[in-house]
Amino acid sequence: MLDAGAASVSLTRELQRILQTPTDERVEYPRSGFGGQMRDLAKLIKADCGLQIAALDYGGWDHHTLQGHTEGVMAKMLGDVSQTLATFADDLGPRFGRVLVLVMSEFGRTVRENGNIGTDHGHGGFMLAYGGMVKGRRIYGKWTGLQKAQLHQDRDMPVYTDFRQVFAEALRDLYGFDAFRGNFFPGYRVQAKPVDYATALV
């Protein structure tokens, strides 16, 4: 127990040291919570400290009111995501060729605006795969339109690709790990053909 505790303290100190190193002056992340998280993640990657997987959260997307359009809250937040990811790629330079970033929404939104100039919870959301490990410049998925008869329960986008399939393929292609055989996602079984979006690292 003492050895494990000492190792944890040592690792924490090393991580703090890495995160306190100055950011490259040529790189300027957006001054947002998400920008700061991705800046710190880039520091850890460039430090070659053994990091393989990281998870970040960006809250505040539950836009039931005043969602806006091209200049609203939604557009501002999407702009932050876009600028941050672009800066992250620039910051990593050649290292970005061995990086896979998966961006996912916890839930979708309704197609129609509600009475509060916002949208309510929906089923089908979106995912974005970004990085050197992606077979890029493609849209993966299925599009059936926005007519009422084409929507789930006449109100939102249907789910065509389960997010667990997307994550499972990343684990397989980057680490050679079979998530389905290992029951990594309890109770989930493959229900569709592979998305086939990631390049193999192993």
N, C-alpha and C. Protein backbone atom coordinates (compact mmCIF):
# COMPACT_ATOMS: atom_id res chain seq x y z
N MET A 1 0.82 -1.20 0.00
CA MET A 1 0.00 0.00 0.00
C MET A 1 0.86 1.27 0.00
N LEU A 2 1.95 1.25 0.81
CA LEU A 2 2.82 2.41 0.88
C LEU A 2 3.49 2.67 -0.47
N ASP A 3 3.91 1.59 -1.14
CA ASP A 3 4.55 1.74 -2.44
C ASP A 3 3.58 2.33 -3.46
N ALA A 4 2.34 1.84 -3.44
CA ALA A 4 1.34 2.35 -4.38
C ALA A 4 1.05 3.82 -4.10
N GLY A 5 0.95 4.19 -2.83
CA GLY A 5 0.70 5.58 -2.48
C GLY A 5 1.84 6.48 -2.91
N ALA A 6 3.06 6.03 -2.69
CA ALA A 6 4.24 6.82 -3.09
C ALA A 6 4.29 7.00 -4.60
N ALA A 7 3.93 5.94 -5.33
CA ALA A 7 3.92 6.02 -6.80
C ALA A 7 2.87 7.01 -7.27
N SER A 8 1.70 7.02 -6.61
CA SER A 8 0.63 7.95 -6.99
C SER A 8 1.04 9.40 -6.75
N VAL A 9 1.68 9.64 -5.62
CA VAL A 9 2.15 11.00 -5.31
C VAL A 9 3.20 11.45 -6.32
N SER A 10 4.12 10.54 -6.64
CA SER A 10 5.17 10.86 -7.60
C SER A 10 4.59 11.18 -8.97
N LEU A 11 3.59 10.37 -9.39
CA LEU A 11 2.96 10.61 -10.69
C LEU A 11 2.21 11.93 -10.70
N THR A 12 1.51 12.24 -9.61
CA THR A 12 0.77 13.50 -9.53
C THR A 12 1.72 14.69 -9.63
N ARG A 13 2.85 14.61 -8.97
CA ARG A 13 3.82 15.70 -9.03
C ARG A 13 4.38 15.86 -10.44
N GLU A 14 4.62 14.74 -11.10
CA GLU A 14 5.14 14.80 -12.47
C GLU A 14 4.11 15.43 -13.41
N LEU A 15 2.85 15.07 -13.24
CA LEU A 15 1.79 15.65 -14.08
C LEU A 15 1.68 17.15 -13.83
N GLN A 16 1.76 17.56 -12.57
CA GLN A 16 1.71 18.98 -12.25
C GLN A 16 2.87 19.73 -12.89
N ARG A 17 4.04 19.11 -12.86
CA ARG A 17 5.22 19.74 -13.47
C ARG A 17 5.00 19.94 -14.97
N ILE A 18 4.46 18.92 -15.63
CA ILE A 18 4.22 19.00 -17.07
C ILE A 18 3.19 20.09 -17.39
N LEU A 19 2.12 20.11 -16.62
CA LEU A 19 1.04 21.07 -16.89
C LEU A 19 1.45 22.51 -16.60
N GLN A 20 2.48 22.69 -15.77
CA GLN A 20 2.94 24.04 -15.45
C GLN A 20 3.96 24.56 -16.45
N THR A 21 4.37 23.73 -17.39
CA THR A 21 5.32 24.19 -18.41
C THR A 21 4.63 25.20 -19.32
N PRO A 22 5.35 26.21 -19.79
CA PRO A 22 4.74 27.23 -20.65
C PRO A 22 4.25 26.63 -21.97
N THR A 23 3.15 27.18 -22.46
CA THR A 23 2.62 26.78 -23.77
C THR A 23 3.43 27.45 -24.86
N ASP A 24 3.61 26.77 -25.97
CA ASP A 24 4.33 27.33 -27.12
C ASP A 24 3.74 28.70 -27.46
N GLU A 25 4.58 29.72 -27.51
CA GLU A 25 4.12 31.09 -27.76
C GLU A 25 3.46 31.23 -29.13
N ARG A 26 3.78 30.34 -30.05
CA ARG A 26 3.19 30.42 -31.39
C ARG A 26 1.78 29.86 -31.44
N VAL A 27 1.35 29.23 -30.35
CA VAL A 27 0.03 28.58 -30.29
C VAL A 27 -0.84 29.31 -29.28
N GLU A 28 -2.04 29.72 -29.70
CA GLU A 28 -2.95 30.42 -28.81
C GLU A 28 -4.31 29.73 -28.82
N TYR A 29 -4.61 29.03 -27.75
CA TYR A 29 -5.90 28.36 -27.61
C TYR A 29 -6.99 29.37 -27.24
N PRO A 30 -8.24 29.10 -27.61
CA PRO A 30 -9.34 29.94 -27.14
C PRO A 30 -9.35 29.99 -25.61
N ARG A 31 -9.69 31.13 -25.05
CA ARG A 31 -9.72 31.28 -23.60
C ARG A 31 -11.06 30.78 -23.06
N SER A 32 -11.23 29.49 -23.13
CA SER A 32 -12.44 28.85 -22.66
C SER A 32 -12.04 27.63 -21.85
N GLY A 33 -13.00 27.06 -21.13
CA GLY A 33 -12.71 25.86 -20.36
C GLY A 33 -12.24 24.73 -21.25
N PHE A 34 -12.89 24.57 -22.40
CA PHE A 34 -12.51 23.51 -23.33
C PHE A 34 -11.13 23.78 -23.91
N GLY A 35 -10.86 25.04 -24.25
CA GLY A 35 -9.55 25.39 -24.77
C GLY A 35 -8.44 25.07 -23.79
N GLY A 36 -8.69 25.34 -22.50
CA GLY A 36 -7.70 25.05 -21.47
C GLY A 36 -7.47 23.56 -21.30
N GLN A 37 -8.54 22.78 -21.38
CA GLN A 37 -8.41 21.33 -21.24
C GLN A 37 -7.58 20.75 -22.39
N MET A 38 -7.86 21.19 -23.60
CA MET A 38 -7.13 20.66 -24.76
C MET A 38 -5.69 21.14 -24.77
N ARG A 39 -5.44 22.33 -24.28
CA ARG A 39 -4.06 22.82 -24.15
C ARG A 39 -3.27 21.93 -23.20
N ASP A 40 -3.88 21.60 -22.06
CA ASP A 40 -3.20 20.74 -21.09
C ASP A 40 -3.00 19.32 -21.64
N LEU A 41 -3.98 18.83 -22.39
CA LEU A 41 -3.84 17.51 -22.99
C LEU A 41 -2.68 17.48 -23.97
N ALA A 42 -2.55 18.54 -24.74
CA ALA A 42 -1.43 18.62 -25.69
C ALA A 42 -0.09 18.61 -24.97
N LYS A 43 -0.02 19.26 -23.81
CA LYS A 43 1.23 19.25 -23.04
C LYS A 43 1.59 17.83 -22.61
N LEU A 44 0.60 17.08 -22.18
CA LEU A 44 0.86 15.71 -21.74
C LEU A 44 1.32 14.84 -22.90
N ILE A 45 0.70 15.02 -24.06
CA ILE A 45 1.10 14.23 -25.23
C ILE A 45 2.54 14.57 -25.63
N LYS A 46 2.86 15.83 -25.67
CA LYS A 46 4.20 16.25 -26.10
C LYS A 46 5.28 15.87 -25.08
N ALA A 47 4.87 15.64 -23.84
CA ALA A 47 5.84 15.25 -22.80
C ALA A 47 6.20 13.78 -22.87
N ASP A 48 5.50 13.01 -23.74
CA ASP A 48 5.76 11.57 -23.88
C ASP A 48 5.75 10.87 -22.51
N CYS A 49 4.72 11.16 -21.72
CA CYS A 49 4.64 10.61 -20.36
C CYS A 49 3.90 9.27 -20.32
N GLY A 50 3.54 8.73 -21.48
CA GLY A 50 2.86 7.43 -21.50
C GLY A 50 1.36 7.52 -21.63
N LEU A 51 0.81 8.71 -21.78
CA LEU A 51 -0.64 8.87 -21.93
C LEU A 51 -1.11 8.20 -23.21
N GLN A 52 -2.17 7.39 -23.11
CA GLN A 52 -2.73 6.72 -24.28
C GLN A 52 -4.17 7.12 -24.55
N ILE A 53 -4.96 7.31 -23.49
CA ILE A 53 -6.37 7.65 -23.64
C ILE A 53 -6.72 8.75 -22.65
N ALA A 54 -7.49 9.74 -23.09
CA ALA A 54 -7.96 10.80 -22.20
C ALA A 54 -9.42 11.09 -22.53
N ALA A 55 -10.18 11.53 -21.54
CA ALA A 55 -11.58 11.89 -21.74
C ALA A 55 -11.83 13.28 -21.17
N LEU A 56 -12.45 14.14 -21.95
CA LEU A 56 -12.77 15.49 -21.52
C LEU A 56 -14.27 15.73 -21.66
N ASP A 57 -14.78 16.66 -20.87
CA ASP A 57 -16.20 16.97 -20.91
C ASP A 57 -16.40 18.46 -21.16
N TYR A 58 -17.35 18.78 -22.03
CA TYR A 58 -17.68 20.17 -22.33
C TYR A 58 -19.19 20.31 -22.13
N GLY A 59 -19.58 20.84 -20.99
CA GLY A 59 -21.00 20.94 -20.66
C GLY A 59 -21.64 22.21 -21.19
N GLY A 60 -22.95 22.32 -20.93
CA GLY A 60 -23.67 23.54 -21.28
C GLY A 60 -24.39 23.53 -22.62
N TRP A 61 -24.64 22.32 -23.16
CA TRP A 61 -25.24 22.23 -24.49
C TRP A 61 -26.75 22.00 -24.45
N ASP A 62 -27.35 22.06 -23.28
CA ASP A 62 -28.77 21.77 -23.16
C ASP A 62 -29.59 23.03 -23.45
N HIS A 63 -29.67 23.36 -24.74
CA HIS A 63 -30.21 24.64 -25.17
C HIS A 63 -31.73 24.62 -25.35
N HIS A 64 -32.43 24.56 -24.24
CA HIS A 64 -33.89 24.61 -24.31
C HIS A 64 -34.39 26.03 -24.58
N THR A 65 -33.54 27.02 -24.28
CA THR A 65 -33.95 28.42 -24.48
C THR A 65 -32.84 29.19 -25.20
N LEU A 66 -33.25 30.14 -26.03
CA LEU A 66 -32.33 31.08 -26.67
C LEU A 66 -31.13 30.39 -27.33
N GLN A 67 -31.41 29.33 -28.07
CA GLN A 67 -30.35 28.58 -28.72
C GLN A 67 -29.67 29.41 -29.81
N GLY A 68 -30.45 30.20 -30.52
CA GLY A 68 -29.88 31.03 -31.56
C GLY A 68 -29.65 30.29 -32.85
N HIS A 69 -29.02 30.98 -33.81
CA HIS A 69 -28.74 30.37 -35.11
C HIS A 69 -27.28 30.61 -35.45
N THR A 70 -26.98 31.38 -36.50
CA THR A 70 -25.59 31.58 -36.88
C THR A 70 -24.82 32.48 -35.90
N GLU A 71 -25.54 33.21 -35.05
CA GLU A 71 -24.87 34.10 -34.10
C GLU A 71 -25.35 33.85 -32.67
N GLY A 72 -25.97 32.71 -32.42
CA GLY A 72 -26.49 32.41 -31.10
C GLY A 72 -25.50 31.67 -30.22
N VAL A 73 -26.01 31.21 -29.09
CA VAL A 73 -25.19 30.47 -28.12
C VAL A 73 -24.61 29.21 -28.75
N MET A 74 -25.43 28.50 -29.50
CA MET A 74 -24.98 27.26 -30.14
C MET A 74 -23.81 27.53 -31.09
N ALA A 75 -23.95 28.55 -31.92
CA ALA A 75 -22.90 28.88 -32.88
C ALA A 75 -21.61 29.29 -32.17
N LYS A 76 -21.73 30.01 -31.08
CA LYS A 76 -20.55 30.44 -30.32
C LYS A 76 -19.82 29.24 -29.75
N MET A 77 -20.57 28.29 -29.19
CA MET A 77 -19.95 27.11 -28.60
C MET A 77 -19.33 26.21 -29.66
N LEU A 78 -20.01 26.05 -30.79
CA LEU A 78 -19.45 25.26 -31.88
C LEU A 78 -18.18 25.91 -32.43
N GLY A 79 -18.16 27.25 -32.47
CA GLY A 79 -16.96 27.95 -32.89
C GLY A 79 -15.80 27.70 -31.96
N ASP A 80 -16.10 27.63 -30.66
CA ASP A 80 -15.06 27.33 -29.67
C ASP A 80 -14.50 25.93 -29.89
N VAL A 81 -15.38 24.95 -30.14
CA VAL A 81 -14.92 23.59 -30.41
C VAL A 81 -14.04 23.56 -31.65
N SER A 82 -14.50 24.20 -32.71
CA SER A 82 -13.76 24.20 -33.97
C SER A 82 -12.38 24.84 -33.82
N GLN A 83 -12.32 26.01 -33.21
CA GLN A 83 -11.05 26.72 -33.06
C GLN A 83 -10.10 25.95 -32.13
N THR A 84 -10.66 25.36 -31.09
CA THR A 84 -9.82 24.61 -30.15
C THR A 84 -9.21 23.38 -30.81
N LEU A 85 -10.02 22.64 -31.57
CA LEU A 85 -9.50 21.44 -32.23
C LEU A 85 -8.45 21.80 -33.28
N ALA A 86 -8.67 22.89 -33.99
CA ALA A 86 -7.68 23.33 -34.99
C ALA A 86 -6.36 23.71 -34.31
N THR A 87 -6.46 24.41 -33.19
CA THR A 87 -5.26 24.81 -32.46
C THR A 87 -4.55 23.60 -31.89
N PHE A 88 -5.32 22.63 -31.40
CA PHE A 88 -4.76 21.39 -30.86
C PHE A 88 -3.92 20.68 -31.92
N ALA A 89 -4.44 20.60 -33.14
CA ALA A 89 -3.70 19.96 -34.23
C ALA A 89 -2.41 20.72 -34.54
N ASP A 90 -2.50 22.04 -34.58
CA ASP A 90 -1.31 22.85 -34.84
C ASP A 90 -0.28 22.69 -33.73
N ASP A 91 -0.76 22.63 -32.50
CA ASP A 91 0.13 22.51 -31.34
C ASP A 91 0.90 21.19 -31.37
N LEU A 92 0.24 20.11 -31.74
CA LEU A 92 0.89 18.80 -31.74
C LEU A 92 1.82 18.61 -32.93
N GLY A 93 1.57 19.30 -34.01
CA GLY A 93 2.43 19.16 -35.18
C GLY A 93 2.46 17.74 -35.71
N PRO A 94 3.64 17.16 -35.97
CA PRO A 94 3.73 15.80 -36.51
C PRO A 94 3.10 14.74 -35.61
N ARG A 95 3.05 15.00 -34.31
CA ARG A 95 2.45 14.02 -33.39
C ARG A 95 0.96 13.79 -33.70
N PHE A 96 0.33 14.76 -34.32
CA PHE A 96 -1.10 14.64 -34.61
C PHE A 96 -1.39 13.49 -35.57
N GLY A 97 -0.35 13.05 -36.29
CA GLY A 97 -0.52 11.93 -37.20
C GLY A 97 -0.84 10.62 -36.50
N ARG A 98 -0.57 10.55 -35.18
CA ARG A 98 -0.84 9.34 -34.41
C ARG A 98 -1.89 9.60 -33.33
N VAL A 99 -2.78 10.52 -33.61
CA VAL A 99 -3.82 10.90 -32.64
C VAL A 99 -5.20 10.70 -33.26
N LEU A 100 -6.12 10.24 -32.44
CA LEU A 100 -7.52 10.13 -32.84
C LEU A 100 -8.35 10.86 -31.79
N VAL A 101 -9.10 11.87 -32.21
CA VAL A 101 -10.00 12.60 -31.33
C VAL A 101 -11.44 12.23 -31.71
N LEU A 102 -12.21 11.77 -30.74
CA LEU A 102 -13.62 11.49 -30.96
C LEU A 102 -14.44 12.49 -30.18
N VAL A 103 -15.32 13.18 -30.87
CA VAL A 103 -16.22 14.15 -30.25
C VAL A 103 -17.63 13.60 -30.37
N MET A 104 -18.35 13.55 -29.27
CA MET A 104 -19.71 13.04 -29.34
C MET A 104 -20.66 13.88 -28.50
N SER A 105 -21.91 13.89 -28.92
CA SER A 105 -22.97 14.56 -28.20
C SER A 105 -23.70 13.53 -27.33
N GLU A 106 -24.04 13.93 -26.12
CA GLU A 106 -24.75 13.02 -25.22
C GLU A 106 -26.15 12.69 -25.75
N PHE A 107 -26.76 13.64 -26.45
CA PHE A 107 -28.07 13.42 -27.03
C PHE A 107 -28.26 14.41 -28.18
N GLY A 108 -29.25 14.15 -29.01
CA GLY A 108 -29.56 15.05 -30.10
C GLY A 108 -30.56 16.11 -29.67
N ARG A 109 -31.06 16.85 -30.64
CA ARG A 109 -32.07 17.88 -30.38
C ARG A 109 -33.24 17.68 -31.34
N THR A 110 -34.36 18.23 -30.97
CA THR A 110 -35.51 18.18 -31.87
C THR A 110 -35.25 19.04 -33.09
N VAL A 111 -35.91 18.70 -34.19
CA VAL A 111 -35.73 19.45 -35.43
C VAL A 111 -36.40 20.81 -35.33
N ARG A 112 -37.56 20.85 -34.75
CA ARG A 112 -38.31 22.10 -34.68
C ARG A 112 -37.98 22.87 -33.40
N GLU A 113 -38.01 24.17 -33.52
CA GLU A 113 -37.81 25.06 -32.38
C GLU A 113 -38.99 24.97 -31.43
N ASN A 114 -38.71 25.06 -30.12
CA ASN A 114 -39.79 25.08 -29.15
C ASN A 114 -40.28 26.51 -28.90
N GLY A 115 -41.13 26.70 -27.90
CA GLY A 115 -41.68 28.02 -27.64
C GLY A 115 -40.73 28.97 -26.95
N ASN A 116 -39.55 28.52 -26.60
CA ASN A 116 -38.57 29.36 -25.90
C ASN A 116 -37.36 29.70 -26.77
N ILE A 117 -37.52 29.60 -28.07
CA ILE A 117 -36.44 29.87 -29.03
C ILE A 117 -35.27 28.93 -28.79
N GLY A 118 -35.59 27.69 -28.50
CA GLY A 118 -34.57 26.66 -28.31
C GLY A 118 -35.07 25.36 -28.88
N THR A 119 -34.39 24.27 -28.55
CA THR A 119 -34.84 22.94 -28.98
C THR A 119 -34.76 22.00 -27.78
N ASP A 120 -35.56 20.94 -27.85
CA ASP A 120 -35.62 19.99 -26.74
C ASP A 120 -34.82 18.73 -27.04
N HIS A 121 -34.77 17.80 -26.09
CA HIS A 121 -33.97 16.59 -26.24
C HIS A 121 -34.46 15.74 -27.42
N GLY A 122 -33.49 15.19 -28.15
CA GLY A 122 -33.80 14.29 -29.25
C GLY A 122 -32.96 13.04 -29.15
N HIS A 123 -33.15 12.13 -30.07
CA HIS A 123 -32.43 10.85 -30.05
C HIS A 123 -31.11 10.90 -30.82
N GLY A 124 -31.17 11.03 -32.13
CA GLY A 124 -29.96 11.00 -32.93
C GLY A 124 -29.11 12.24 -32.72
N GLY A 125 -27.85 12.04 -32.32
CA GLY A 125 -26.91 13.14 -32.15
C GLY A 125 -25.87 13.10 -33.25
N PHE A 126 -24.64 13.45 -32.92
CA PHE A 126 -23.59 13.41 -33.93
C PHE A 126 -22.28 12.99 -33.27
N MET A 127 -21.36 12.54 -34.09
CA MET A 127 -20.00 12.28 -33.64
C MET A 127 -19.03 12.84 -34.68
N LEU A 128 -17.89 13.27 -34.20
CA LEU A 128 -16.84 13.79 -35.07
C LEU A 128 -15.56 13.03 -34.78
N ALA A 129 -14.95 12.49 -35.81
CA ALA A 129 -13.65 11.81 -35.69
C ALA A 129 -12.61 12.69 -36.37
N TYR A 130 -11.53 12.99 -35.64
CA TYR A 130 -10.57 14.00 -36.08
C TYR A 130 -9.16 13.52 -35.73
N GLY A 131 -8.24 13.68 -36.66
CA GLY A 131 -6.86 13.32 -36.36
C GLY A 131 -6.22 12.50 -37.46
N GLY A 132 -4.95 12.22 -37.27
CA GLY A 132 -4.18 11.49 -38.27
C GLY A 132 -4.56 10.03 -38.40
N MET A 133 -5.32 9.50 -37.45
CA MET A 133 -5.71 8.09 -37.50
C MET A 133 -7.08 7.89 -38.15
N VAL A 134 -7.59 8.93 -38.81
CA VAL A 134 -8.94 8.88 -39.40
C VAL A 134 -8.86 8.82 -40.92
N LYS A 135 -9.70 7.96 -41.50
CA LYS A 135 -9.89 7.98 -42.95
C LYS A 135 -10.80 9.17 -43.24
N GLY A 136 -10.18 10.30 -43.41
CA GLY A 136 -10.90 11.57 -43.39
C GLY A 136 -11.59 11.97 -44.68
N ARG A 137 -12.10 13.21 -44.62
CA ARG A 137 -12.83 13.84 -45.72
C ARG A 137 -14.06 13.05 -46.13
N ARG A 138 -14.72 12.44 -45.15
CA ARG A 138 -15.93 11.67 -45.43
C ARG A 138 -16.98 11.95 -44.37
N ILE A 139 -18.21 11.71 -44.74
CA ILE A 139 -19.31 11.69 -43.78
C ILE A 139 -19.76 10.25 -43.66
N TYR A 140 -19.67 9.70 -42.45
CA TYR A 140 -20.08 8.33 -42.20
C TYR A 140 -21.47 8.35 -41.56
N GLY A 141 -22.37 7.58 -42.10
CA GLY A 141 -23.70 7.55 -41.51
C GLY A 141 -24.77 7.45 -42.57
N LYS A 142 -25.96 7.75 -42.16
CA LYS A 142 -27.13 7.62 -43.03
C LYS A 142 -27.97 8.88 -42.91
N TRP A 143 -28.41 9.39 -44.05
CA TRP A 143 -29.24 10.60 -44.07
C TRP A 143 -30.57 10.28 -44.73
N THR A 144 -31.66 10.54 -44.02
CA THR A 144 -32.99 10.23 -44.56
C THR A 144 -33.86 11.46 -44.71
N GLY A 145 -33.38 12.64 -44.30
CA GLY A 145 -34.15 13.86 -44.47
C GLY A 145 -34.78 14.37 -43.19
N LEU A 146 -35.43 15.53 -43.30
CA LEU A 146 -36.00 16.19 -42.14
C LEU A 146 -37.52 16.31 -42.21
N GLN A 147 -38.12 15.65 -43.18
CA GLN A 147 -39.58 15.66 -43.23
C GLN A 147 -40.14 14.92 -42.03
N LYS A 148 -41.32 15.31 -41.58
CA LYS A 148 -41.91 14.75 -40.38
C LYS A 148 -41.98 13.23 -40.41
N ALA A 149 -42.34 12.68 -41.55
CA ALA A 149 -42.47 11.22 -41.67
C ALA A 149 -41.13 10.51 -41.59
N GLN A 150 -40.03 11.24 -41.79
CA GLN A 150 -38.70 10.64 -41.76
C GLN A 150 -38.04 10.74 -40.38
N LEU A 151 -38.69 11.41 -39.45
CA LEU A 151 -38.12 11.65 -38.13
C LEU A 151 -38.55 10.57 -37.13
N HIS A 152 -37.79 10.45 -36.08
CA HIS A 152 -38.16 9.54 -34.99
C HIS A 152 -39.28 10.18 -34.19
N GLN A 153 -40.41 9.48 -34.08
CA GLN A 153 -41.58 9.98 -33.36
C GLN A 153 -42.02 11.34 -33.89
N ASP A 154 -41.78 11.57 -35.18
CA ASP A 154 -42.16 12.81 -35.86
C ASP A 154 -41.50 14.06 -35.28
N ARG A 155 -40.34 13.89 -34.58
CA ARG A 155 -39.79 15.07 -33.92
C ARG A 155 -38.28 15.21 -33.96
N ASP A 156 -37.52 14.12 -34.09
CA ASP A 156 -36.06 14.25 -34.06
C ASP A 156 -35.40 13.19 -34.95
N MET A 157 -34.08 13.27 -35.06
CA MET A 157 -33.36 12.36 -35.94
C MET A 157 -33.29 10.96 -35.33
N PRO A 158 -33.48 9.92 -36.16
CA PRO A 158 -33.32 8.55 -35.66
C PRO A 158 -31.84 8.26 -35.37
N VAL A 159 -31.59 7.22 -34.58
CA VAL A 159 -30.22 6.76 -34.32
C VAL A 159 -29.91 5.66 -35.31
N TYR A 160 -28.91 5.87 -36.16
CA TYR A 160 -28.51 4.87 -37.14
C TYR A 160 -27.20 4.17 -36.77
N THR A 161 -26.33 4.88 -36.05
CA THR A 161 -25.04 4.30 -35.65
C THR A 161 -24.89 4.42 -34.14
N ASP A 162 -24.74 3.31 -33.47
CA ASP A 162 -24.57 3.32 -32.03
C ASP A 162 -23.16 3.81 -31.69
N PHE A 163 -23.06 4.75 -30.74
CA PHE A 163 -21.75 5.30 -30.40
C PHE A 163 -20.78 4.23 -29.91
N ARG A 164 -21.31 3.15 -29.34
CA ARG A 164 -20.44 2.08 -28.84
C ARG A 164 -19.72 1.38 -29.98
N GLN A 165 -20.35 1.33 -31.15
CA GLN A 165 -19.70 0.76 -32.32
C GLN A 165 -18.49 1.60 -32.72
N VAL A 166 -18.66 2.91 -32.67
CA VAL A 166 -17.59 3.84 -33.05
C VAL A 166 -16.41 3.71 -32.09
N PHE A 167 -16.68 3.67 -30.79
CA PHE A 167 -15.61 3.54 -29.80
C PHE A 167 -14.95 2.17 -29.89
N ALA A 168 -15.75 1.15 -30.13
CA ALA A 168 -15.20 -0.21 -30.22
C ALA A 168 -14.22 -0.32 -31.38
N GLU A 169 -14.53 0.32 -32.51
CA GLU A 169 -13.62 0.26 -33.65
C GLU A 169 -12.32 1.01 -33.36
N ALA A 170 -12.39 2.08 -32.59
CA ALA A 170 -11.17 2.78 -32.20
C ALA A 170 -10.29 1.89 -31.34
N LEU A 171 -10.89 1.19 -30.38
CA LEU A 171 -10.13 0.28 -29.52
C LEU A 171 -9.51 -0.86 -30.33
N ARG A 172 -10.24 -1.34 -31.31
CA ARG A 172 -9.73 -2.43 -32.15
C ARG A 172 -8.58 -1.97 -33.03
N ASP A 173 -8.77 -0.84 -33.71
CA ASP A 173 -7.79 -0.42 -34.71
C ASP A 173 -6.54 0.21 -34.09
N LEU A 174 -6.68 0.85 -32.94
CA LEU A 174 -5.54 1.49 -32.31
C LEU A 174 -4.81 0.59 -31.32
N TYR A 175 -5.55 -0.35 -30.70
CA TYR A 175 -4.93 -1.15 -29.65
C TYR A 175 -5.08 -2.66 -29.85
N GLY A 176 -5.79 -3.06 -30.90
CA GLY A 176 -5.99 -4.48 -31.12
C GLY A 176 -6.88 -5.13 -30.10
N PHE A 177 -7.76 -4.35 -29.45
CA PHE A 177 -8.62 -4.87 -28.39
C PHE A 177 -10.03 -5.11 -28.94
N ASP A 178 -10.53 -6.32 -28.76
CA ASP A 178 -11.88 -6.67 -29.20
C ASP A 178 -12.86 -6.33 -28.08
N ALA A 179 -13.53 -5.19 -28.20
CA ALA A 179 -14.43 -4.73 -27.15
C ALA A 179 -15.65 -5.62 -26.99
N PHE A 180 -16.07 -6.25 -28.08
CA PHE A 180 -17.27 -7.08 -28.01
C PHE A 180 -16.97 -8.43 -27.36
N ARG A 181 -15.86 -9.02 -27.71
CA ARG A 181 -15.48 -10.29 -27.10
C ARG A 181 -15.20 -10.10 -25.61
N GLY A 182 -14.64 -8.96 -25.26
CA GLY A 182 -14.33 -8.69 -23.86
C GLY A 182 -15.50 -8.11 -23.08
N ASN A 183 -16.67 -7.98 -23.72
CA ASN A 183 -17.86 -7.44 -23.06
C ASN A 183 -17.57 -6.07 -22.45
N PHE A 184 -16.81 -5.26 -23.18
CA PHE A 184 -16.42 -3.94 -22.70
C PHE A 184 -17.65 -3.04 -22.52
N PHE A 185 -18.63 -3.19 -23.41
CA PHE A 185 -19.90 -2.47 -23.29
C PHE A 185 -20.96 -3.50 -22.88
N PRO A 186 -21.22 -3.65 -21.59
CA PRO A 186 -22.11 -4.71 -21.11
C PRO A 186 -23.46 -4.73 -21.82
N GLY A 187 -23.81 -5.91 -22.33
CA GLY A 187 -25.11 -6.09 -22.95
C GLY A 187 -25.20 -5.66 -24.39
N TYR A 188 -24.17 -4.98 -24.91
CA TYR A 188 -24.24 -4.51 -26.30
C TYR A 188 -23.61 -5.51 -27.25
N ARG A 189 -24.29 -5.76 -28.33
CA ARG A 189 -23.78 -6.62 -29.38
C ARG A 189 -23.84 -5.89 -30.71
N VAL A 190 -22.93 -6.20 -31.60
CA VAL A 190 -22.89 -5.53 -32.91
C VAL A 190 -24.22 -5.70 -33.61
N GLN A 191 -24.78 -4.57 -34.04
CA GLN A 191 -26.08 -4.59 -34.70
C GLN A 191 -26.03 -4.06 -36.13
N ALA A 192 -24.88 -3.61 -36.56
CA ALA A 192 -24.76 -3.04 -37.90
C ALA A 192 -23.37 -3.32 -38.44
N LYS A 193 -23.19 -3.09 -39.73
CA LYS A 193 -21.87 -3.29 -40.32
C LYS A 193 -20.89 -2.25 -39.77
N PRO A 194 -19.60 -2.54 -39.78
CA PRO A 194 -18.61 -1.61 -39.23
C PRO A 194 -18.65 -0.25 -39.92
N VAL A 195 -18.35 0.78 -39.15
CA VAL A 195 -18.26 2.13 -39.72
C VAL A 195 -16.99 2.25 -40.56
N ASP A 196 -15.90 1.62 -40.09
CA ASP A 196 -14.64 1.56 -40.81
C ASP A 196 -14.08 2.96 -41.08
N TYR A 197 -13.86 3.71 -40.04
CA TYR A 197 -13.39 5.09 -40.18
C TYR A 197 -11.95 5.31 -39.71
N ALA A 198 -11.40 4.38 -38.92
CA ALA A 198 -10.07 4.56 -38.35
C ALA A 198 -9.04 3.71 -39.05
N THR A 199 -7.82 4.22 -39.11
CA THR A 199 -6.71 3.47 -39.69
C THR A 199 -6.07 2.61 -38.59
N ALA A 200 -5.52 1.49 -38.96
CA ALA A 200 -4.95 0.57 -37.98
C ALA A 200 -3.58 1.04 -37.53
N LEU A 201 -3.37 1.01 -36.22
CA LEU A 201 -2.08 1.39 -35.65
C LEU A 201 -1.29 0.16 -35.27
N VAL A 202 -2.00 -0.94 -34.96
CA VAL A 202 -1.33 -2.15 -34.53
C VAL A 202 -1.29 -3.16 -35.67
